[in-house]
């Protein structure tokens, strides 16, 4: 008798180390971790921004401003810049000023532009001159050439203004008003970092991690990540957790990895929540605890992290850390499946096939097996081949059955190979 393959599994994914772009000033790209799922990261930012966190509000505004990870929306950018600016975030204040200056997302308003330029400018340094430039008698800004502005920045930076040192590092890194020069970017980031500027510390860590402007040195990168992490930067905390997990630049220490994941997770960093959930599930760096695993998977799952949704569904399926509930398993598998997760699609197909948590429905089972099989999932290919062979949920078709069984066999599925041999012997 032919038997379908039923496997409901966990996914364990740890995102790549040191894969972050530098934190930024003014209107430029957002400092996303390049290996994390952007929609999940945006959801994480939105949650933190709604809680009133100025840095998250600023980063969310940048996302809307640049269209990175979300549909570009200048009105939303201006909204979140203002939320952050009202809490004193100088870069948000400056970006909001430029939006009023250019009429992006808001009606042009010279008075409001000047108001926010003035708030962004610290009166105790030349930064005021840099941001404000010269004005006419009506408060309108007179455009200046870039060279004098950069010269003012250099003067302020040399006088020890940490914010301007950071902005100058940014200017050199992104070629804003000056030729791109990673060596100079690293130099000025270091100056600001030595004055405990957390974004400069983070950016300097990234530069050492990538070997841009400085010799590649993971141990120095970790040093600056730690400095930034200790000041509460969630992305630095996450990267530090990854470094300890993989032993990159530091001696591998799963306990410290979990510690830094926890710090970032408590700030709603979605990938940290997911990795912390896995740490608890597998007992890596913490005592094995599926109750805690379920807690952190759920936090990430609610931020649309599809791997967390898959794992939470599996905890409900097996009754680990939560009361067994196949309906909840189906709910979370469905959420992940709708985002295109191949394993979740396969698992959902299994539930429809067996009638667990959902009404048994072979047509729906085939629907999800097919989607998963098309993504290369060998067990889905195997089950789909059997369905075609037996005509369950779909019209019997031996040719199609052989096609999908062959796909599964090519990936090492021994059951599929055995059935193909049987079909050949019958012919």
Protein backbone atom coordinates (compact mmCIF):
# COMPACT_ATOMS: atom_id res chain seq x y z
CA UNK A 1 0.00 0.00 0.00
CA UNK A 2 1.37 3.41 -0.93
CA UNK A 3 1.84 5.71 2.03
CA UNK A 4 2.12 9.46 1.99
CA UNK A 5 5.03 11.10 3.74
CA UNK A 6 3.89 13.26 6.69
CA UNK A 7 6.54 15.49 8.25
CA UNK A 8 5.78 18.63 10.22
CA UNK A 9 9.08 20.29 10.93
CA UNK A 10 10.85 23.26 12.48
CA UNK A 11 12.97 25.80 10.71
CA UNK A 12 16.16 27.10 12.34
CA UNK A 13 17.56 30.14 10.62
CA UNK A 14 20.17 32.53 11.96
CA UNK A 15 20.67 35.59 9.85
CA UNK A 16 24.04 36.60 8.42
CA UNK A 17 26.69 38.32 10.48
CA UNK A 18 27.76 41.89 9.84
CA UNK A 19 25.30 42.24 6.97
CA UNK A 20 24.13 45.75 7.81
CA UNK A 21 24.52 49.01 5.99
CA UNK A 22 25.77 51.95 8.04
CA UNK A 23 23.31 54.04 10.00
CA UNK A 24 22.77 57.28 8.19
CA UNK A 25 22.21 61.01 8.36
CA UNK A 26 19.92 63.12 6.15
CA UNK A 27 17.82 61.59 3.36
CA UNK A 28 19.48 58.38 2.27
CA UNK A 29 19.05 54.61 2.39
CA UNK A 30 17.84 52.87 5.53
CA UNK A 31 20.21 50.84 7.71
CA UNK A 32 18.55 47.48 7.14
CA UNK A 33 20.22 44.18 7.91
CA UNK A 34 20.69 42.95 4.36
CA UNK A 35 19.85 39.32 5.18
CA UNK A 36 16.70 39.85 7.13
CA UNK A 37 13.26 39.90 5.62
CA UNK A 38 12.39 43.53 4.87
CA UNK A 39 8.62 43.31 5.45
CA UNK A 40 9.26 41.77 8.87
CA UNK A 41 11.79 44.47 9.68
CA UNK A 42 9.37 47.21 8.66
CA UNK A 43 6.67 45.66 10.84
CA UNK A 44 9.16 45.63 13.71
CA UNK A 45 9.94 49.32 13.13
CA UNK A 46 6.25 50.19 12.99
CA UNK A 47 5.61 48.48 16.31
CA UNK A 48 8.51 50.27 17.99
CA UNK A 49 7.59 53.60 16.39
CA UNK A 50 4.02 53.35 17.69
CA UNK A 51 5.47 52.76 21.16
CA UNK A 52 7.08 56.18 20.90
CA UNK A 53 10.70 55.20 20.29
CA UNK A 54 12.40 58.11 18.57
CA UNK A 55 15.06 56.09 16.75
CA UNK A 56 12.48 53.65 15.39
CA UNK A 57 10.30 56.57 14.27
CA UNK A 58 13.29 58.07 12.46
CA UNK A 59 14.19 54.78 10.76
CA UNK A 60 10.57 54.18 9.75
CA UNK A 61 10.44 57.69 8.29
CA UNK A 62 13.59 56.92 6.29
CA UNK A 63 11.99 53.75 4.97
CA UNK A 64 8.96 55.70 3.73
CA UNK A 65 11.23 58.47 2.43
CA UNK A 66 13.39 56.12 0.33
CA UNK A 67 10.90 53.35 -0.43
CA UNK A 68 13.19 50.71 1.10
CA UNK A 69 11.11 47.75 2.20
CA UNK A 70 7.85 49.64 1.91
CA UNK A 71 5.97 51.72 -0.68
CA UNK A 72 7.49 55.18 -0.85
CA UNK A 73 5.21 57.67 0.88
CA UNK A 74 6.51 61.18 1.59
CA UNK A 75 3.47 62.06 3.70
CA UNK A 76 4.15 59.12 6.02
CA UNK A 77 7.84 59.99 6.01
CA UNK A 78 7.06 63.52 7.15
CA UNK A 79 4.64 62.22 9.78
CA UNK A 80 7.22 59.93 11.39
CA UNK A 81 10.06 62.44 11.04
CA UNK A 82 7.92 64.87 13.01
CA UNK A 83 7.16 62.30 15.70
CA UNK A 84 10.88 61.63 16.10
CA UNK A 85 11.85 65.29 15.73
CA UNK A 86 9.51 66.27 18.56
CA UNK A 87 11.55 63.97 20.81
CA UNK A 88 14.74 65.78 19.86
CA UNK A 89 16.17 63.42 17.24
CA UNK A 90 18.47 65.81 15.37
CA UNK A 91 18.56 63.88 12.08
CA UNK A 92 14.77 63.64 12.06
CA UNK A 93 14.60 67.38 12.70
CA UNK A 94 16.94 68.06 9.80
CA UNK A 95 15.11 65.73 7.41
CA UNK A 96 11.76 67.22 8.38
CA UNK A 97 13.17 70.67 7.68
CA UNK A 98 14.26 69.60 4.20
CA UNK A 99 10.78 68.21 3.52
CA UNK A 100 9.20 71.56 4.40
CA UNK A 101 11.93 73.24 2.35
CA UNK A 102 11.19 71.12 -0.75
CA UNK A 103 7.47 70.54 -0.19
CA UNK A 104 7.82 66.76 -0.04
CA UNK A 105 4.95 65.10 1.82
CA UNK A 106 3.93 68.48 3.23
CA UNK A 107 3.06 71.89 1.84
CA UNK A 108 6.19 74.03 1.33
CA UNK A 109 6.66 76.23 4.36
CA UNK A 110 9.80 78.32 4.80
CA UNK A 111 8.91 79.22 8.37
CA UNK A 112 8.54 75.59 9.46
CA UNK A 113 11.66 74.64 7.50
CA UNK A 114 13.62 77.28 9.41
CA UNK A 115 12.09 76.17 12.70
CA UNK A 116 13.32 72.61 12.26
CA UNK A 117 16.69 73.64 10.83
CA UNK A 118 17.17 75.75 13.93
CA UNK A 119 16.18 72.89 16.24
CA UNK A 120 18.57 70.57 14.40
CA UNK A 121 21.40 73.06 14.84
CA UNK A 122 23.14 72.98 18.18
CA UNK A 123 23.84 76.58 19.23
CA UNK A 124 27.19 75.68 20.80
CA UNK A 125 28.84 74.66 17.51
CA UNK A 126 29.28 75.66 13.88
CA UNK A 127 26.60 73.11 12.97
CA UNK A 128 24.11 76.00 13.11
CA UNK A 129 25.93 77.68 10.26
CA UNK A 130 26.04 74.39 8.37
CA UNK A 131 22.33 73.70 8.70
CA UNK A 132 21.05 77.28 8.42
CA UNK A 133 23.52 78.95 6.08
CA UNK A 134 22.77 82.60 5.40
CA UNK A 135 19.20 83.88 5.45
CA UNK A 136 17.48 86.91 4.08
CA UNK A 137 15.45 89.31 6.17
CA UNK A 138 12.34 87.14 5.79
CA UNK A 139 13.79 83.92 7.17
CA UNK A 140 14.33 82.40 3.72
CA UNK A 141 17.49 80.33 3.31
CA UNK A 142 20.03 81.46 0.73
CA UNK A 143 21.57 78.45 -1.03
CA UNK A 144 25.32 78.09 -0.55
CA UNK A 145 27.83 76.04 -2.48
CA UNK A 146 28.77 72.68 -1.03
CA UNK A 147 32.42 73.53 -0.47
CA UNK A 148 31.83 76.19 2.22
CA UNK A 149 29.32 73.89 3.95
CA UNK A 150 31.79 71.02 4.04
CA UNK A 151 34.47 73.44 5.24
CA UNK A 152 32.22 74.47 8.12
CA UNK A 153 31.62 70.83 8.93
CA UNK A 154 35.36 70.19 8.96
CA UNK A 155 35.88 73.12 11.30
CA UNK A 156 33.15 71.92 13.64
CA UNK A 157 34.41 68.33 13.49
CA UNK A 158 37.95 69.43 14.30
CA UNK A 159 36.60 71.33 17.30
CA UNK A 160 35.19 68.05 18.62
CA UNK A 161 31.51 68.23 17.65
CA UNK A 162 30.58 64.51 17.70
CA UNK A 163 27.37 64.92 15.71
CA UNK A 164 29.21 66.76 12.93
CA UNK A 165 32.03 64.20 13.02
CA UNK A 166 29.38 61.56 12.44
CA UNK A 167 27.73 63.60 9.66
CA UNK A 168 31.11 64.17 8.03
CA UNK A 169 31.78 60.44 8.14
CA UNK A 170 28.43 59.94 6.45
CA UNK A 171 29.26 62.57 3.81
CA UNK A 172 32.49 60.79 2.91
CA UNK A 173 30.87 57.34 2.97
CA UNK A 174 27.98 58.27 0.70
CA UNK A 175 29.76 60.97 -1.36
CA UNK A 176 27.44 63.75 -0.20
CA UNK A 177 29.16 67.01 -1.13
CA UNK A 178 32.59 65.39 -1.17
CA UNK A 179 34.21 62.60 -3.21
CA UNK A 180 33.57 59.16 -1.72
CA UNK A 181 36.41 58.31 0.63
CA UNK A 182 36.00 55.33 2.96
CA UNK A 183 39.25 56.10 4.76
CA UNK A 184 38.01 59.57 5.68
CA UNK A 185 34.59 58.14 6.57
CA UNK A 186 36.18 55.68 8.99
CA UNK A 187 38.39 58.42 10.43
CA UNK A 188 35.48 60.69 11.30
CA UNK A 189 33.26 57.86 12.48
CA UNK A 190 36.08 56.87 14.83
CA UNK A 191 36.34 60.41 16.18
CA UNK A 192 32.61 60.45 16.93
CA UNK A 193 32.63 56.87 18.21
CA UNK A 194 35.32 57.75 20.74
CA UNK A 195 32.87 60.32 22.11
CA UNK A 196 30.23 57.60 22.59
CA UNK A 197 28.16 58.46 19.51
CA UNK A 198 26.28 55.16 19.19
CA UNK A 199 25.48 55.40 15.48
CA UNK A 200 29.10 56.21 14.72
CA UNK A 201 30.17 53.21 16.80
CA UNK A 202 27.78 51.03 14.86
CA UNK A 203 28.93 52.34 11.47
CA UNK A 204 32.57 51.98 12.40
CA UNK A 205 31.91 48.38 13.42
CA UNK A 206 30.36 47.72 10.02
CA UNK A 207 33.37 49.24 8.27
CA UNK A 208 35.79 47.03 10.19
CA UNK A 209 33.55 44.04 9.52
CA UNK A 210 33.63 44.72 5.77
CA UNK A 211 37.15 46.10 5.53
CA UNK A 212 36.00 49.42 4.05
CA UNK A 213 38.39 52.29 4.71
CA UNK A 214 40.16 50.21 7.35
CA UNK A 215 41.77 46.76 7.38
CA UNK A 216 39.14 44.07 7.89
CA UNK A 217 39.25 43.12 11.55
CA UNK A 218 36.31 41.32 13.13
CA UNK A 219 37.67 41.69 16.65
CA UNK A 220 37.66 45.50 16.31
CA UNK A 221 34.24 45.31 14.65
CA UNK A 222 32.94 43.41 17.67
CA UNK A 223 34.49 45.97 20.02
CA UNK A 224 32.48 48.78 18.41
CA UNK A 225 29.33 46.70 18.06
CA UNK A 226 29.56 46.09 21.80
CA UNK A 227 29.99 49.78 22.51
CA UNK A 228 26.90 50.60 20.44
CA UNK A 229 24.97 47.66 21.86
CA UNK A 230 25.69 48.78 25.42
CA UNK A 231 24.05 52.08 24.54
CA UNK A 232 20.91 50.22 23.50
CA UNK A 233 21.15 49.99 19.71
CA UNK A 234 18.99 46.95 18.88
CA UNK A 235 20.65 46.17 15.55
CA UNK A 236 24.10 46.29 17.17
CA UNK A 237 22.81 43.99 19.91
CA UNK A 238 21.51 41.57 17.29
CA UNK A 239 24.78 41.60 15.37
CA UNK A 240 26.69 41.04 18.59
CA UNK A 241 24.48 38.05 19.32
CA UNK A 242 25.26 36.66 15.87
CA UNK A 243 28.99 37.17 16.42
CA UNK A 244 28.90 35.17 19.65
CA UNK A 245 26.69 32.51 18.07
CA UNK A 246 29.05 31.90 15.15
CA UNK A 247 32.29 32.75 16.94
CA UNK A 248 33.10 35.54 14.48
CA UNK A 249 35.63 37.97 15.97
CA UNK A 250 35.04 36.51 19.43
CA UNK A 251 35.20 33.10 21.05
CA UNK A 252 31.93 31.28 20.40
CA UNK A 253 29.65 31.71 23.38
CA UNK A 254 26.02 30.64 22.98
CA UNK A 255 25.12 32.10 26.38
CA UNK A 256 26.27 35.55 25.34
CA UNK A 257 24.59 35.08 21.97
CA UNK A 258 21.27 34.46 23.72
CA UNK A 259 21.94 37.39 26.07
CA UNK A 260 22.30 39.86 23.20
CA UNK A 261 19.42 38.35 21.25
CA UNK A 262 17.31 38.94 24.36
CA UNK A 263 18.39 42.59 24.59
CA UNK A 264 17.46 43.20 20.96
CA UNK A 265 14.30 41.08 21.16
CA UNK A 266 13.04 43.19 24.07
CA UNK A 267 13.24 46.16 21.70
CA UNK A 268 11.02 44.30 19.20
CA UNK A 269 13.85 43.34 16.82
CA UNK A 270 11.99 40.65 14.93
CA UNK A 271 14.96 38.50 13.89
CA UNK A 272 16.34 38.60 17.42
CA UNK A 273 12.97 37.41 18.71
CA UNK A 274 13.05 34.54 16.23
CA UNK A 275 16.63 33.55 17.05
CA UNK A 276 15.92 33.77 20.77
CA UNK A 277 12.94 31.48 20.28
CA UNK A 278 15.22 28.97 18.57
CA UNK A 279 17.78 29.30 21.36
CA UNK A 280 15.11 28.31 23.87
CA UNK A 281 13.69 25.56 21.66
CA UNK A 282 17.06 23.88 21.16
CA UNK A 283 18.58 24.81 24.53
CA UNK A 284 21.43 26.75 22.96
CA UNK A 285 22.94 29.17 25.45
CA UNK A 286 19.87 28.94 27.68
CA UNK A 287 18.04 26.13 29.43
CA UNK A 288 15.77 24.33 26.98
CA UNK A 289 12.30 25.81 27.46
CA UNK A 290 9.55 25.47 24.87
CA UNK A 291 7.29 27.80 26.83
CA UNK A 292 9.82 30.59 26.32
CA UNK A 293 10.38 29.44 22.74
CA UNK A 294 6.66 29.76 22.03
CA UNK A 295 6.57 33.20 23.66
CA UNK A 296 9.34 34.59 21.45
CA UNK A 297 8.17 32.81 18.31
CA UNK A 298 4.74 34.35 18.84
CA UNK A 299 6.18 37.86 19.20
CA UNK A 300 8.06 37.45 15.93
CA UNK A 301 5.13 35.68 14.25
CA UNK A 302 2.85 38.61 15.05
CA UNK A 303 5.34 40.79 13.19
CA UNK A 304 4.84 38.54 10.13
CA UNK A 305 8.12 36.65 10.47
CA UNK A 306 7.22 33.60 8.41
CA UNK A 307 9.83 31.25 9.90
CA UNK A 308 8.55 32.13 13.36
CA UNK A 309 5.00 31.46 12.16
CA UNK A 310 6.10 28.05 10.90
CA UNK A 311 7.82 27.17 14.17
CA UNK A 312 4.95 28.42 16.31
CA UNK A 313 2.58 26.33 14.21
CA UNK A 314 4.77 23.28 14.83
CA UNK A 315 4.78 23.89 18.59
CA UNK A 316 0.99 23.92 18.50
CA UNK A 317 0.94 20.83 16.27
CA UNK A 318 3.09 18.80 18.66
CA UNK A 319 1.88 20.45 21.89
CA UNK A 320 5.35 21.63 22.94
CA UNK A 321 5.41 24.66 25.23
CA UNK A 322 1.73 25.22 24.48
CA UNK A 323 -1.39 23.13 24.72
CA UNK A 324 -1.71 21.01 21.59
CA UNK A 325 -4.05 22.75 19.18
CA UNK A 326 -4.19 21.75 15.55
CA UNK A 327 -6.44 24.68 14.68
CA UNK A 328 -3.76 27.07 15.93
CA UNK A 329 -1.16 25.07 14.04
CA UNK A 330 -3.19 25.47 10.85
CA UNK A 331 -3.66 29.19 11.54
CA UNK A 332 0.08 29.87 11.80
CA UNK A 333 0.98 27.56 8.91
CA UNK A 334 -1.58 29.43 6.80
CA UNK A 335 0.02 32.77 7.69
CA UNK A 336 3.46 31.54 6.68
CA UNK A 337 2.12 29.74 3.61
CA UNK A 338 0.44 32.93 2.42
CA UNK A 339 3.88 34.58 2.52
CA UNK A 340 5.29 31.85 0.31
CA UNK A 341 7.02 29.60 2.87
CA UNK A 342 7.54 26.22 1.17
CA UNK A 343 7.67 24.14 4.37
CA UNK A 344 4.57 25.85 5.77
CA UNK A 345 2.73 25.18 2.51
CA UNK A 346 3.69 21.52 2.74
CA UNK A 347 2.64 21.34 6.41
CA UNK A 348 -0.69 22.97 5.60
CA UNK A 349 -1.18 20.41 2.85
CA UNK A 350 -0.55 17.67 5.42
CA UNK A 351 -3.24 19.10 7.72
CA UNK A 352 -5.82 19.20 4.92
CA UNK A 353 -4.78 15.70 3.85
CA UNK A 354 -5.24 14.31 7.36
CA UNK A 355 -8.10 16.58 8.45
CA UNK A 356 -6.22 17.94 11.46
CA UNK A 357 -7.17 21.44 12.58
CA UNK A 358 -9.12 21.86 9.35
CA UNK A 359 -11.84 19.92 7.61
CA UNK A 360 -10.29 17.17 5.51
CA UNK A 361 -10.10 18.39 1.95
CA UNK A 362 -7.97 16.58 -0.63
CA UNK A 363 -8.39 19.39 -3.15
CA UNK A 364 -6.93 21.91 -0.68
CA UNK A 365 -4.19 19.42 0.22
CA UNK A 366 -3.23 19.15 -3.44
CA UNK A 367 -3.36 22.94 -3.79
CA UNK A 368 -0.74 23.40 -1.06
CA UNK A 369 1.35 20.39 -2.05
CA UNK A 370 1.58 21.81 -5.57
CA UNK A 371 2.68 25.25 -4.38
CA UNK A 372 5.32 23.69 -2.16
CA UNK A 373 6.41 21.20 -4.81
CA UNK A 374 6.91 24.00 -7.32
CA UNK A 375 9.32 25.54 -4.83
CA UNK A 376 11.36 22.34 -4.78
CA UNK A 377 10.08 20.74 -1.56
CA UNK A 378 10.82 17.04 -2.15
CA UNK A 379 8.24 15.64 0.30
CA UNK A 380 5.54 17.79 -1.30
CA UNK A 381 6.67 16.51 -4.70
CA UNK A 382 6.41 12.94 -3.40
CA UNK A 383 2.91 13.43 -1.95
CA UNK A 384 1.78 15.20 -5.10
CA UNK A 385 3.08 12.32 -7.21
CA UNK A 386 1.10 9.86 -5.10
CA UNK A 387 -2.03 11.98 -5.41
CA UNK A 388 -1.77 11.88 -9.21
CA UNK A 389 -1.12 8.15 -9.08
CA UNK A 390 -4.20 7.48 -6.94
CA UNK A 391 -6.48 10.25 -8.20
CA UNK A 392 -7.10 11.76 -4.76
CA UNK A 393 -8.04 15.43 -4.91
CA UNK A 394 -7.04 15.52 -8.55
CA UNK A 395 -7.63 13.57 -11.73
CA UNK A 396 -5.48 10.44 -12.00
CA UNK A 397 -2.54 11.04 -14.31
CA UNK A 398 0.35 8.55 -14.35
CA UNK A 399 2.51 10.83 -16.47
CA UNK A 400 2.17 13.68 -13.96
CA UNK A 401 2.70 11.22 -11.12
CA UNK A 402 5.99 10.11 -12.65
CA UNK A 403 7.04 13.73 -13.23
CA UNK A 404 6.68 14.69 -9.57
CA UNK A 405 8.02 11.41 -8.22
CA UNK A 406 11.07 11.86 -10.43
CA UNK A 407 11.55 15.37 -9.03
CA UNK A 408 11.44 13.96 -5.50
CA UNK A 409 13.73 11.04 -6.39
CA UNK A 410 16.31 13.44 -7.80
CA UNK A 411 16.49 15.02 -4.36
CA UNK A 412 17.16 11.69 -2.70
CA UNK A 413 13.64 10.58 -1.79
CA UNK A 414 14.03 6.79 -1.66
CA UNK A 415 10.28 6.13 -1.47
CA UNK A 416 9.80 8.04 -4.71
CA UNK A 417 12.59 6.04 -6.37
CA UNK A 418 11.03 2.75 -5.27
CA UNK A 419 7.60 3.68 -6.65
CA UNK A 420 9.12 4.75 -9.96
CA UNK A 421 10.82 1.34 -10.21
CA UNK A 422 7.49 -0.36 -9.53
CA UNK A 423 5.79 1.67 -12.26
CA UNK A 424 8.51 0.73 -14.73
CA UNK A 425 8.24 -2.97 -13.86
CA UNK A 426 4.46 -2.88 -14.42
CA UNK A 427 4.95 -1.31 -17.83
